[in-house]
Amino acid sequence: MDALKLIAQDSLKAEVPVVEIGDTVKVHVKIKEGDRERIQVFEGTVIAKRHGGVAETFTVRRVAHGCGIERVFPLHSPNVDKVELVRHGKVRRSKLYYLRDRVGKAAKVKEQLR
């Protein structure tokens, strides 16, 4: 096995949150301010996922005060404390970039009942 794969394997989280496209999630992120550390919650819709082992990321979008905000979170980052699933979304695309152009109720994703 490559040396890079061995190093990357140590950085992987044991329990990876199950995040699907279209889901509404709450991401608890550790924020460091000076010598203090706090947890900030970012809630929104998962619009994209990138696979790739240690570099796996997911993009969460929300609209705050009429302005769209997107954040990309590394799945295996130690700064991502936990990911809570709020609701499942029913989508037929792997990337939901079309939500960027929509406003209000048109930007909603239907809920999938499981």
N, C-alpha and C. Protein backbone atom coordinates (compact mmCIF):
# COMPACT_ATOMS: atom_id res chain seq x y z
N MET A 1 0.84 -1.18 0.00
CA MET A 1 0.00 0.00 0.00
C MET A 1 0.89 1.24 0.00
N ASP A 2 0.44 2.27 -0.68
CA ASP A 2 1.19 3.52 -0.75
C ASP A 2 1.31 4.16 0.62
N ALA A 3 2.36 4.96 0.78
CA ALA A 3 2.54 5.70 2.03
C ALA A 3 1.43 6.75 2.18
N LEU A 4 1.01 7.34 1.05
CA LEU A 4 -0.06 8.34 1.11
C LEU A 4 -1.38 7.72 1.57
N LYS A 5 -1.68 6.52 1.10
CA LYS A 5 -2.91 5.85 1.51
C LYS A 5 -2.88 5.49 2.99
N LEU A 6 -1.72 5.12 3.50
CA LEU A 6 -1.60 4.80 4.93
C LEU A 6 -1.84 6.04 5.79
N ILE A 7 -1.27 7.17 5.36
CA ILE A 7 -1.46 8.41 6.11
C ILE A 7 -2.91 8.86 6.03
N ALA A 8 -3.51 8.74 4.85
CA ALA A 8 -4.91 9.14 4.67
C ALA A 8 -5.85 8.26 5.47
N GLN A 9 -5.52 7.00 5.60
CA GLN A 9 -6.38 6.06 6.33
C GLN A 9 -6.45 6.43 7.82
N ASP A 10 -5.38 6.98 8.37
CA ASP A 10 -5.39 7.40 9.77
C ASP A 10 -6.27 8.62 9.99
N SER A 11 -6.44 9.44 8.96
CA SER A 11 -7.22 10.68 9.08
C SER A 11 -8.72 10.47 8.90
N LEU A 12 -9.13 9.31 8.41
CA LEU A 12 -10.55 9.06 8.17
C LEU A 12 -11.29 8.91 9.49
N LYS A 13 -12.53 9.42 9.53
CA LYS A 13 -13.37 9.27 10.71
C LYS A 13 -13.92 7.85 10.77
N ALA A 14 -14.11 7.35 11.98
CA ALA A 14 -14.65 6.01 12.15
C ALA A 14 -16.13 5.97 11.77
N GLU A 15 -16.90 6.96 12.26
CA GLU A 15 -18.32 7.03 11.94
C GLU A 15 -18.57 8.21 11.01
N VAL A 16 -18.84 7.91 9.76
CA VAL A 16 -19.08 8.95 8.77
C VAL A 16 -20.58 9.22 8.70
N PRO A 17 -21.02 10.48 8.81
CA PRO A 17 -22.45 10.77 8.72
C PRO A 17 -22.98 10.46 7.32
N VAL A 18 -24.20 9.93 7.27
CA VAL A 18 -24.83 9.62 5.99
C VAL A 18 -25.52 10.88 5.49
N VAL A 19 -24.94 11.50 4.48
CA VAL A 19 -25.45 12.75 3.92
C VAL A 19 -25.78 12.48 2.46
N GLU A 20 -27.03 12.73 2.07
CA GLU A 20 -27.44 12.54 0.68
C GLU A 20 -27.81 13.89 0.06
N ILE A 21 -27.83 13.94 -1.25
CA ILE A 21 -28.19 15.15 -1.97
C ILE A 21 -29.66 15.47 -1.71
N GLY A 22 -29.95 16.73 -1.42
CA GLY A 22 -31.32 17.15 -1.18
C GLY A 22 -31.74 17.12 0.28
N ASP A 23 -30.95 16.51 1.13
CA ASP A 23 -31.26 16.46 2.56
C ASP A 23 -31.05 17.83 3.20
N THR A 24 -31.88 18.13 4.19
CA THR A 24 -31.67 19.31 5.01
C THR A 24 -30.92 18.87 6.25
N VAL A 25 -29.78 19.48 6.51
CA VAL A 25 -28.91 19.05 7.60
C VAL A 25 -28.52 20.24 8.48
N LYS A 26 -28.14 19.92 9.72
CA LYS A 26 -27.52 20.88 10.62
C LYS A 26 -26.09 20.42 10.82
N VAL A 27 -25.15 21.26 10.43
CA VAL A 27 -23.73 20.93 10.56
C VAL A 27 -23.18 21.71 11.74
N HIS A 28 -22.66 21.01 12.74
CA HIS A 28 -22.05 21.62 13.92
C HIS A 28 -20.55 21.75 13.66
N VAL A 29 -20.09 23.00 13.57
CA VAL A 29 -18.70 23.28 13.21
C VAL A 29 -17.99 23.93 14.39
N LYS A 30 -16.76 23.49 14.65
CA LYS A 30 -15.96 24.10 15.71
C LYS A 30 -15.31 25.37 15.15
N ILE A 31 -15.53 26.49 15.84
CA ILE A 31 -14.95 27.78 15.45
C ILE A 31 -13.97 28.19 16.53
N LYS A 32 -12.74 28.52 16.13
CA LYS A 32 -11.73 28.93 17.09
C LYS A 32 -11.55 30.45 17.00
N GLU A 33 -11.79 31.13 18.12
CA GLU A 33 -11.64 32.57 18.21
C GLU A 33 -10.64 32.88 19.31
N GLY A 34 -9.44 33.23 18.90
CA GLY A 34 -8.38 33.47 19.89
C GLY A 34 -8.00 32.15 20.55
N ASP A 35 -8.11 32.12 21.88
CA ASP A 35 -7.80 30.88 22.60
C ASP A 35 -9.06 30.12 22.99
N ARG A 36 -10.22 30.65 22.59
CA ARG A 36 -11.49 29.99 22.92
C ARG A 36 -12.04 29.25 21.71
N GLU A 37 -12.85 28.25 22.00
CA GLU A 37 -13.45 27.45 20.94
C GLU A 37 -14.94 27.31 21.20
N ARG A 38 -15.74 27.46 20.14
CA ARG A 38 -17.18 27.30 20.29
C ARG A 38 -17.71 26.52 19.11
N ILE A 39 -18.99 26.11 19.20
CA ILE A 39 -19.61 25.34 18.13
C ILE A 39 -20.68 26.21 17.48
N GLN A 40 -20.63 26.31 16.15
CA GLN A 40 -21.60 27.07 15.38
C GLN A 40 -22.39 26.10 14.51
N VAL A 41 -23.71 26.30 14.44
CA VAL A 41 -24.57 25.42 13.66
C VAL A 41 -24.92 26.10 12.34
N PHE A 42 -24.73 25.37 11.24
CA PHE A 42 -25.06 25.85 9.91
C PHE A 42 -26.11 24.90 9.35
N GLU A 43 -27.32 25.41 9.13
CA GLU A 43 -28.42 24.55 8.64
C GLU A 43 -28.75 24.93 7.21
N GLY A 44 -28.91 23.91 6.35
CA GLY A 44 -29.25 24.16 4.96
C GLY A 44 -29.44 22.87 4.19
N THR A 45 -29.57 23.00 2.89
CA THR A 45 -29.81 21.88 1.99
C THR A 45 -28.50 21.45 1.36
N VAL A 46 -28.27 20.14 1.31
CA VAL A 46 -27.07 19.60 0.66
C VAL A 46 -27.31 19.66 -0.85
N ILE A 47 -26.47 20.44 -1.55
CA ILE A 47 -26.67 20.59 -3.00
C ILE A 47 -25.61 19.84 -3.81
N ALA A 48 -24.52 19.40 -3.17
CA ALA A 48 -23.48 18.69 -3.93
C ALA A 48 -22.63 17.85 -2.98
N LYS A 49 -22.06 16.80 -3.55
CA LYS A 49 -21.09 15.96 -2.84
C LYS A 49 -19.93 15.68 -3.77
N ARG A 50 -18.73 15.68 -3.21
CA ARG A 50 -17.53 15.28 -3.95
C ARG A 50 -16.91 14.11 -3.23
N HIS A 51 -16.68 13.04 -3.92
CA HIS A 51 -16.08 11.86 -3.31
C HIS A 51 -14.57 11.92 -3.46
N GLY A 52 -13.87 11.08 -2.74
CA GLY A 52 -12.43 11.07 -2.89
C GLY A 52 -11.69 10.79 -1.61
N GLY A 53 -12.16 9.82 -0.83
CA GLY A 53 -11.43 9.41 0.36
C GLY A 53 -11.35 10.50 1.40
N VAL A 54 -10.14 10.91 1.75
CA VAL A 54 -9.93 11.92 2.79
C VAL A 54 -10.45 13.29 2.34
N ALA A 55 -10.43 13.55 1.05
CA ALA A 55 -10.82 14.85 0.52
C ALA A 55 -12.32 14.93 0.21
N GLU A 56 -13.12 14.00 0.71
CA GLU A 56 -14.55 13.99 0.43
C GLU A 56 -15.23 15.20 1.08
N THR A 57 -16.04 15.93 0.30
CA THR A 57 -16.71 17.13 0.78
C THR A 57 -18.18 17.12 0.42
N PHE A 58 -18.95 17.95 1.12
CA PHE A 58 -20.34 18.18 0.75
C PHE A 58 -20.63 19.66 0.90
N THR A 59 -21.48 20.18 0.00
CA THR A 59 -21.80 21.60 -0.05
C THR A 59 -23.20 21.82 0.49
N VAL A 60 -23.34 22.75 1.45
CA VAL A 60 -24.63 23.06 2.06
C VAL A 60 -24.99 24.50 1.71
N ARG A 61 -26.25 24.70 1.30
CA ARG A 61 -26.73 26.02 0.90
C ARG A 61 -27.92 26.42 1.75
N ARG A 62 -27.93 27.69 2.15
CA ARG A 62 -29.08 28.26 2.84
C ARG A 62 -29.22 29.72 2.42
N VAL A 63 -30.42 30.25 2.64
CA VAL A 63 -30.68 31.66 2.33
C VAL A 63 -30.87 32.38 3.65
N ALA A 64 -30.01 33.37 3.92
CA ALA A 64 -30.09 34.14 5.16
C ALA A 64 -30.26 35.61 4.80
N HIS A 65 -31.36 36.22 5.24
CA HIS A 65 -31.65 37.62 4.99
C HIS A 65 -31.67 37.94 3.50
N GLY A 66 -32.20 37.00 2.71
CA GLY A 66 -32.32 37.22 1.28
C GLY A 66 -31.05 37.00 0.48
N CYS A 67 -30.00 36.57 1.13
CA CYS A 67 -28.72 36.33 0.47
C CYS A 67 -28.37 34.85 0.57
N GLY A 68 -28.07 34.22 -0.54
CA GLY A 68 -27.71 32.80 -0.54
C GLY A 68 -26.29 32.59 -0.04
N ILE A 69 -26.14 31.62 0.88
CA ILE A 69 -24.83 31.31 1.45
C ILE A 69 -24.56 29.83 1.22
N GLU A 70 -23.39 29.53 0.68
CA GLU A 70 -22.98 28.14 0.48
C GLU A 70 -21.67 27.91 1.22
N ARG A 71 -21.60 26.78 1.90
CA ARG A 71 -20.35 26.40 2.57
C ARG A 71 -19.99 24.98 2.18
N VAL A 72 -18.72 24.76 1.96
CA VAL A 72 -18.22 23.44 1.62
C VAL A 72 -17.57 22.86 2.86
N PHE A 73 -18.03 21.69 3.30
CA PHE A 73 -17.51 21.05 4.50
C PHE A 73 -16.76 19.78 4.14
N PRO A 74 -15.52 19.63 4.59
CA PRO A 74 -14.84 18.34 4.44
C PRO A 74 -15.48 17.32 5.38
N LEU A 75 -15.80 16.16 4.87
CA LEU A 75 -16.52 15.15 5.64
C LEU A 75 -15.68 14.61 6.79
N HIS A 76 -14.38 14.47 6.58
CA HIS A 76 -13.51 13.86 7.58
C HIS A 76 -12.73 14.89 8.41
N SER A 77 -13.14 16.16 8.36
CA SER A 77 -12.44 17.20 9.09
C SER A 77 -12.70 17.09 10.59
N PRO A 78 -11.69 17.33 11.42
CA PRO A 78 -11.91 17.34 12.86
C PRO A 78 -12.71 18.56 13.31
N ASN A 79 -12.82 19.59 12.46
CA ASN A 79 -13.60 20.78 12.80
C ASN A 79 -15.10 20.57 12.64
N VAL A 80 -15.50 19.57 11.87
CA VAL A 80 -16.92 19.23 11.74
C VAL A 80 -17.25 18.30 12.91
N ASP A 81 -17.96 18.85 13.90
CA ASP A 81 -18.25 18.10 15.12
C ASP A 81 -19.26 17.01 14.86
N LYS A 82 -20.44 17.39 14.31
CA LYS A 82 -21.44 16.38 13.95
C LYS A 82 -22.36 16.94 12.89
N VAL A 83 -23.05 16.03 12.22
CA VAL A 83 -24.00 16.39 11.18
C VAL A 83 -25.34 15.77 11.54
N GLU A 84 -26.34 16.63 11.79
CA GLU A 84 -27.68 16.15 12.14
C GLU A 84 -28.55 16.19 10.90
N LEU A 85 -29.32 15.14 10.68
CA LEU A 85 -30.25 15.09 9.58
C LEU A 85 -31.59 15.65 10.03
N VAL A 86 -32.07 16.71 9.37
CA VAL A 86 -33.35 17.31 9.72
C VAL A 86 -34.47 16.64 8.94
N ARG A 87 -34.28 16.53 7.60
CA ARG A 87 -35.26 15.83 6.78
C ARG A 87 -34.63 15.36 5.49
N HIS A 88 -35.23 14.30 4.91
CA HIS A 88 -34.75 13.75 3.64
C HIS A 88 -35.40 14.51 2.49
N GLY A 89 -34.64 14.75 1.45
CA GLY A 89 -35.18 15.42 0.28
C GLY A 89 -35.37 14.44 -0.86
N LYS A 90 -36.41 14.69 -1.67
CA LYS A 90 -36.70 13.84 -2.82
C LYS A 90 -36.20 14.57 -4.06
N VAL A 91 -35.08 14.11 -4.62
CA VAL A 91 -34.48 14.74 -5.78
C VAL A 91 -34.10 13.69 -6.80
N ARG A 92 -33.88 14.15 -8.05
CA ARG A 92 -33.51 13.24 -9.13
C ARG A 92 -32.22 13.68 -9.80
N ARG A 93 -31.44 14.49 -9.12
CA ARG A 93 -30.18 14.99 -9.66
C ARG A 93 -29.07 14.74 -8.64
N SER A 94 -27.84 14.69 -9.14
CA SER A 94 -26.70 14.52 -8.24
C SER A 94 -26.14 15.85 -7.78
N LYS A 95 -26.42 16.91 -8.52
CA LYS A 95 -26.00 18.26 -8.14
C LYS A 95 -27.22 19.17 -8.27
N LEU A 96 -27.50 19.95 -7.24
CA LEU A 96 -28.68 20.82 -7.23
C LEU A 96 -28.30 22.28 -7.44
N TYR A 97 -27.42 22.54 -8.40
CA TYR A 97 -26.97 23.90 -8.64
C TYR A 97 -28.09 24.79 -9.17
N TYR A 98 -29.16 24.20 -9.70
CA TYR A 98 -30.26 24.99 -10.22
C TYR A 98 -30.99 25.73 -9.10
N LEU A 99 -30.80 25.36 -7.84
CA LEU A 99 -31.44 26.05 -6.72
C LEU A 99 -30.87 27.46 -6.54
N ARG A 100 -29.69 27.71 -7.08
CA ARG A 100 -29.08 29.03 -6.96
C ARG A 100 -29.91 30.10 -7.68
N ASP A 101 -30.57 29.71 -8.76
CA ASP A 101 -31.35 30.67 -9.56
C ASP A 101 -32.78 30.84 -9.05
N ARG A 102 -33.19 30.04 -8.10
CA ARG A 102 -34.57 30.07 -7.64
C ARG A 102 -34.70 30.83 -6.32
N VAL A 103 -35.87 31.43 -6.12
CA VAL A 103 -36.11 32.25 -4.94
C VAL A 103 -37.40 31.78 -4.28
N GLY A 104 -37.46 31.85 -2.96
CA GLY A 104 -38.69 31.56 -2.22
C GLY A 104 -39.09 30.10 -2.26
N LYS A 105 -40.39 29.86 -2.49
CA LYS A 105 -40.90 28.49 -2.48
C LYS A 105 -40.38 27.66 -3.64
N ALA A 106 -39.97 28.30 -4.71
CA ALA A 106 -39.43 27.57 -5.86
C ALA A 106 -38.11 26.91 -5.52
N ALA A 107 -37.43 27.40 -4.50
CA ALA A 107 -36.12 26.86 -4.11
C ALA A 107 -36.26 25.71 -3.09
N LYS A 108 -37.50 25.32 -2.79
CA LYS A 108 -37.71 24.24 -1.83
C LYS A 108 -37.48 22.89 -2.47
N VAL A 109 -37.06 21.92 -1.66
CA VAL A 109 -36.91 20.54 -2.10
C VAL A 109 -38.00 19.74 -1.39
N LYS A 110 -38.74 18.91 -2.16
CA LYS A 110 -39.82 18.12 -1.57
C LYS A 110 -39.25 17.12 -0.58
N GLU A 111 -40.04 16.81 0.44
CA GLU A 111 -39.60 15.87 1.47
C GLU A 111 -39.91 14.45 1.04
N GLN A 112 -38.96 13.56 1.30
CA GLN A 112 -39.15 12.15 0.99
C GLN A 112 -39.50 11.43 2.27
N LEU A 113 -40.65 10.79 2.30
CA LEU A 113 -41.08 10.05 3.49
C LEU A 113 -40.47 8.67 3.42
N ARG A 114 -39.76 8.30 4.46
CA ARG A 114 -39.12 6.97 4.48
C ARG A 114 -39.79 6.07 5.47
